[in-house]
Amino acid sequence: MIRCICVDDEAYASTLLKAYIEKVPFLQFAGSTTSPIEALGWVSEGRCDLVFLDIQMPELTGLQFLKLAGNRCKVILTTAYPEYALDGYEHDVVDYLLKPIAFDRFLKAAQKAQAQLQPAKAAPIGGFPDPLVPAAPVPDYMFVKGESKNKFLRVNYSDILFIEGLKNYVSLYLPQQRVVTYQTLRDLEEQLPQPPFYRVHKSYIISIDKVRMVDGNTLYIQDKEIPLGETYRDNFFRLIREKEQGGRQS
């Protein structure tokens, strides 16, 4: 088991991470704190193997924490600010999770940590997974950051028609509403399950199940027209063919 602690000055963030940790069979929740100084004490005492660390905190920033902790633990950074990603990787962090954190993206980061901390378990002989370790359930929803700092909205994957990128914001189009959240399209693309979600343009991600018609370089989802970028065109039609073949075989 990989012992994990959460260091974040937002109670909601720690609560969400604790729930995620408890879903993953190879992770063990070992505590949470709003104080990076207290967390450094835990690291020094050898009470944890992996730290989920917020960057923007009082007392010490996450980057200052990394320098003081040295190599005594592995760290996954969690933050709402993508501009700190490069600094984090320069300190050899395992991964960088952008808030709001989707479970499938969290699981990917946890598997990276497992590969570094438990290489024998992460890559068993023959490449087959350990049958004694159950697969972690993957949720069918995600949380996106709302208008206020502590407001997060639950969005079911099945409700998403398409997503439009607007610089540092994205708009999620649902059947009855549009949700705007502070996040880049690239970060969101990493969180969404593929299939059914695919990038079809530098500014658009679509749910392939919601496409009702394709006309040249235009996709139609309900009454909306979505451009199909030239660099994404070949891959899109390959996916369509694979989906058709899969449907005929079933």
Protein backbone atom coordinates (compact mmCIF):
# COMPACT_ATOMS: atom_id res chain seq x y z
CA MET A 1 0.00 0.00 0.00
CA ILE A 2 1.16 3.52 -0.81
CA ARG A 3 0.54 5.80 2.18
CA CYS A 4 -0.83 9.17 1.08
CA ILE A 5 -1.33 12.54 2.75
CA CYS A 6 -3.15 15.60 1.40
CA VAL A 7 -1.84 19.12 2.00
CA ASP A 8 -4.34 21.78 0.97
CA ASP A 9 -5.85 24.86 2.60
CA GLU A 10 -9.24 24.15 1.00
CA ALA A 11 -11.31 21.62 2.95
CA TYR A 12 -13.29 20.61 -0.14
CA ALA A 13 -10.13 19.71 -2.05
CA SER A 14 -8.82 17.50 0.78
CA THR A 15 -12.22 15.80 1.14
CA LEU A 16 -12.36 15.03 -2.58
CA LEU A 17 -8.80 13.66 -2.63
CA LYS A 18 -9.51 11.49 0.42
CA ALA A 19 -12.53 10.00 -1.37
CA TYR A 20 -10.44 9.34 -4.48
CA ILE A 21 -7.62 7.74 -2.47
CA GLU A 22 -10.05 5.39 -0.75
CA LYS A 23 -11.32 4.18 -4.14
CA VAL A 24 -7.89 3.02 -5.32
CA PRO A 25 -6.83 -0.41 -3.97
CA PHE A 26 -3.09 0.31 -3.82
CA LEU A 27 -3.46 3.69 -2.02
CA GLN A 28 -3.95 4.23 1.72
CA PHE A 29 -5.14 7.52 3.19
CA ALA A 30 -2.75 8.54 5.98
CA GLY A 31 -4.05 11.99 6.84
CA SER A 32 -4.69 15.53 5.64
CA THR A 33 -3.64 18.93 6.87
CA THR A 34 -3.90 22.59 5.93
CA SER A 35 -0.37 23.21 7.25
CA PRO A 36 2.61 22.43 5.00
CA ILE A 37 4.86 22.71 8.05
CA GLU A 38 2.92 19.94 9.81
CA ALA A 39 3.11 17.89 6.61
CA LEU A 40 6.91 18.31 6.52
CA GLY A 41 6.99 16.82 10.01
CA TRP A 42 5.01 13.81 8.80
CA VAL A 43 7.42 13.37 5.90
CA SER A 44 10.43 13.57 8.23
CA GLU A 45 8.86 10.93 10.48
CA GLY A 46 8.38 8.60 7.52
CA ARG A 47 4.58 8.56 7.86
CA CYS A 48 3.85 8.80 4.14
CA ASP A 49 5.12 7.73 0.74
CA LEU A 50 3.12 10.09 -1.47
CA VAL A 51 1.99 13.69 -0.92
CA PHE A 52 -0.86 15.39 -2.78
CA LEU A 53 0.34 18.96 -2.46
CA ASP A 54 -1.39 22.24 -3.23
CA ILE A 55 0.88 25.01 -4.51
CA GLN A 56 -0.84 28.14 -3.20
CA MET A 57 -0.84 27.94 0.62
CA PRO A 58 0.00 30.12 3.61
CA GLU A 59 3.19 29.51 5.62
CA LEU A 60 4.98 27.76 2.73
CA THR A 61 4.24 27.47 -0.96
CA GLY A 62 4.17 24.04 -2.54
CA LEU A 63 7.44 24.74 -4.35
CA GLN A 64 9.14 25.72 -1.06
CA PHE A 65 7.79 22.49 0.43
CA LEU A 66 9.39 20.49 -2.40
CA LYS A 67 12.80 22.01 -1.74
CA LEU A 68 12.60 21.27 2.01
CA ALA A 69 11.21 17.73 1.60
CA GLY A 70 13.99 16.71 -0.76
CA ASN A 71 13.72 13.12 -1.94
CA ARG A 72 12.04 11.74 1.18
CA CYS A 73 8.68 11.28 -0.57
CA LYS A 74 6.98 11.40 -3.94
CA VAL A 75 4.78 14.41 -4.70
CA ILE A 76 1.78 15.02 -6.93
CA LEU A 77 0.98 18.72 -7.24
CA THR A 78 -2.64 19.90 -7.18
CA THR A 79 -3.55 23.44 -8.15
CA ALA A 80 -5.96 25.64 -10.06
CA TYR A 81 -3.08 27.48 -11.73
CA PRO A 82 -1.59 25.82 -14.83
CA GLU A 83 1.31 28.29 -15.03
CA TYR A 84 3.12 26.44 -12.22
CA ALA A 85 3.38 23.16 -14.13
CA LEU A 86 6.91 23.74 -15.45
CA ASP A 87 8.27 24.67 -12.01
CA GLY A 88 6.74 21.50 -10.59
CA TYR A 89 8.31 19.20 -13.15
CA GLU A 90 11.69 20.84 -12.58
CA HIS A 91 11.42 19.52 -9.01
CA ASP A 92 10.79 15.99 -10.31
CA VAL A 93 7.18 15.69 -9.18
CA VAL A 94 5.24 12.58 -10.19
CA ASP A 95 2.41 14.49 -11.85
CA TYR A 96 0.54 17.79 -11.94
CA LEU A 97 -3.23 17.75 -11.40
CA LEU A 98 -5.23 20.79 -12.38
CA LYS A 99 -8.31 21.53 -10.27
CA PRO A 100 -11.10 20.55 -10.48
CA ILE A 101 -9.63 17.05 -10.56
CA ALA A 102 -11.53 14.28 -12.35
CA PHE A 103 -11.17 10.76 -10.93
CA ASP A 104 -9.83 9.20 -14.14
CA ARG A 105 -7.08 11.84 -14.27
CA PHE A 106 -6.36 11.25 -10.56
CA LEU A 107 -6.12 7.51 -11.22
CA LYS A 108 -3.61 8.07 -14.02
CA ALA A 109 -1.43 10.11 -11.65
CA ALA A 110 -1.73 7.44 -8.94
CA GLN A 111 -0.60 4.78 -11.40
CA LYS A 112 2.46 6.90 -12.25
CA ALA A 113 3.29 7.05 -8.54
CA GLN A 114 2.82 3.29 -8.23
CA ALA A 115 5.18 2.70 -11.15
CA GLN A 116 7.86 4.72 -9.34
CA LEU A 117 7.26 3.47 -5.80
CA GLN A 118 6.27 -0.14 -6.53
CA PRO A 119 7.77 -0.98 -9.94
CA ALA A 120 7.46 -4.75 -9.43
CA LYS A 121 3.74 -4.46 -8.69
CA ALA A 122 3.07 -1.86 -11.35
CA ALA A 123 4.69 -3.99 -14.07
CA PRO A 124 4.22 -7.70 -13.22
CA ILE A 125 6.00 -10.42 -15.22
CA GLY A 126 4.25 -11.06 -18.52
CA GLY A 127 2.52 -7.69 -18.45
CA PHE A 128 -0.68 -9.04 -16.90
CA PRO A 129 -2.36 -7.21 -13.99
CA ASP A 130 -2.32 -8.75 -10.53
CA PRO A 131 -5.61 -10.70 -10.26
CA LEU A 132 -5.74 -10.05 -6.51
CA VAL A 133 -5.95 -6.27 -6.99
CA PRO A 134 -9.44 -5.21 -8.15
CA ALA A 135 -9.66 -2.50 -10.76
CA ALA A 136 -10.65 0.90 -9.42
CA PRO A 137 -14.12 1.96 -10.58
CA VAL A 138 -14.14 4.78 -13.11
CA PRO A 139 -16.97 7.29 -12.51
CA ASP A 140 -19.30 8.50 -15.24
CA TYR A 141 -19.06 12.16 -14.25
CA MET A 142 -16.61 14.92 -13.41
CA PHE A 143 -16.63 18.12 -11.36
CA VAL A 144 -15.85 21.44 -13.02
CA LYS A 145 -15.00 24.70 -11.28
CA GLY A 146 -17.90 27.15 -11.07
CA GLU A 147 -17.95 30.94 -10.90
CA SER A 148 -16.84 31.24 -7.27
CA LYS A 149 -13.64 29.81 -5.74
CA ASN A 150 -15.31 27.03 -3.77
CA LYS A 151 -18.11 26.19 -6.19
CA PHE A 152 -17.85 22.99 -8.23
CA LEU A 153 -20.49 21.62 -10.58
CA ARG A 154 -21.07 17.95 -11.30
CA VAL A 155 -21.38 17.18 -15.01
CA ASN A 156 -22.34 13.71 -16.26
CA TYR A 157 -20.31 12.58 -19.25
CA SER A 158 -23.46 11.31 -20.94
CA ASP A 159 -24.93 14.85 -20.91
CA ILE A 160 -22.03 16.51 -22.73
CA LEU A 161 -22.75 17.24 -26.40
CA PHE A 162 -19.53 19.08 -27.21
CA ILE A 163 -17.00 21.43 -25.65
CA GLU A 164 -15.68 24.69 -27.04
CA GLY A 165 -12.35 26.21 -25.98
CA LEU A 166 -12.22 29.96 -25.33
CA LYS A 167 -8.61 30.85 -24.42
CA ASN A 168 -8.39 29.97 -20.69
CA TYR A 169 -12.08 29.11 -20.48
CA VAL A 170 -14.13 26.28 -21.91
CA SER A 171 -17.85 26.03 -22.56
CA LEU A 172 -19.51 22.65 -22.00
CA TYR A 173 -22.69 22.34 -24.04
CA LEU A 174 -25.37 20.18 -22.42
CA PRO A 175 -28.88 19.47 -23.73
CA GLN A 176 -30.50 22.21 -21.63
CA GLN A 177 -27.65 24.49 -20.59
CA ARG A 178 -24.12 25.74 -21.18
CA VAL A 179 -21.52 25.50 -18.42
CA VAL A 180 -18.50 27.81 -18.51
CA THR A 181 -15.44 26.87 -16.45
CA TYR A 182 -11.91 28.22 -16.02
CA GLN A 183 -9.83 25.48 -17.60
CA THR A 184 -7.94 24.94 -20.82
CA LEU A 185 -9.26 22.64 -23.53
CA ARG A 186 -6.05 20.63 -23.44
CA ASP A 187 -6.34 19.93 -19.71
CA LEU A 188 -9.98 18.95 -20.11
CA GLU A 189 -9.10 16.64 -23.00
CA GLU A 190 -6.82 14.67 -20.66
CA GLN A 191 -9.65 14.21 -18.14
CA LEU A 192 -12.34 13.05 -20.55
CA PRO A 193 -12.71 9.35 -21.42
CA GLN A 194 -11.88 8.32 -24.97
CA PRO A 195 -14.22 7.11 -26.32
CA PRO A 196 -16.65 8.80 -26.62
CA PHE A 197 -14.84 12.16 -26.49
CA TYR A 198 -12.45 13.22 -29.24
CA ARG A 199 -10.72 16.40 -30.34
CA VAL A 200 -11.96 17.39 -33.82
CA HIS A 201 -10.64 20.96 -34.01
CA LYS A 202 -8.17 23.13 -32.12
CA SER A 203 -11.18 24.69 -30.38
CA TYR A 204 -13.60 21.75 -30.09
CA ILE A 205 -14.00 18.38 -28.38
CA ILE A 206 -17.09 16.37 -29.25
CA SER A 207 -18.92 13.31 -27.99
CA ILE A 208 -18.84 11.08 -31.03
CA ASP A 209 -22.09 9.44 -29.91
CA LYS A 210 -23.91 12.76 -30.26
CA VAL A 211 -22.97 13.43 -33.92
CA ARG A 212 -26.10 13.16 -36.08
CA MET A 213 -24.58 14.13 -39.44
CA VAL A 214 -21.28 14.87 -41.17
CA ASP A 215 -21.24 17.16 -44.20
CA GLY A 216 -17.77 17.78 -45.59
CA ASN A 217 -15.79 19.49 -42.85
CA THR A 218 -18.81 20.21 -40.68
CA LEU A 219 -20.24 18.04 -37.91
CA TYR A 220 -23.82 18.47 -36.72
CA ILE A 221 -24.76 17.91 -33.08
CA GLN A 222 -28.40 18.75 -32.47
CA ASP A 223 -28.75 22.14 -34.23
CA LYS A 224 -25.10 23.14 -33.74
CA GLU A 225 -22.43 23.15 -36.46
CA ILE A 226 -18.96 22.05 -35.37
CA PRO A 227 -15.95 22.54 -37.70
CA LEU A 228 -13.80 19.49 -38.43
CA GLY A 229 -10.16 20.57 -38.57
CA GLU A 230 -7.95 19.25 -41.37
CA THR A 231 -5.38 17.83 -38.94
CA TYR A 232 -8.12 15.87 -37.14
CA ARG A 233 -10.11 14.76 -40.20
CA ASP A 234 -8.35 11.46 -41.00
CA ASN A 235 -8.39 10.31 -37.39
CA PHE A 236 -12.08 11.24 -37.02
CA PHE A 237 -13.14 9.14 -40.02
CA ARG A 238 -10.95 6.26 -38.84
CA LEU A 239 -12.81 6.34 -35.53
CA ILE A 240 -16.14 6.40 -37.35
CA ARG A 241 -15.16 3.33 -39.40
CA GLU A 242 -13.97 1.46 -36.29
CA LYS A 243 -17.21 2.29 -34.53
CA GLU A 244 -19.26 1.01 -37.48
CA GLN A 245 -17.24 -2.21 -37.67
CA GLY A 246 -17.59 -2.75 -33.92
CA GLY A 247 -21.35 -2.27 -34.20
CA ARG A 248 -21.65 -4.83 -37.03
CA GLN A 249 -19.56 -7.40 -35.14
CA SER A 250 -21.70 -7.07 -32.01
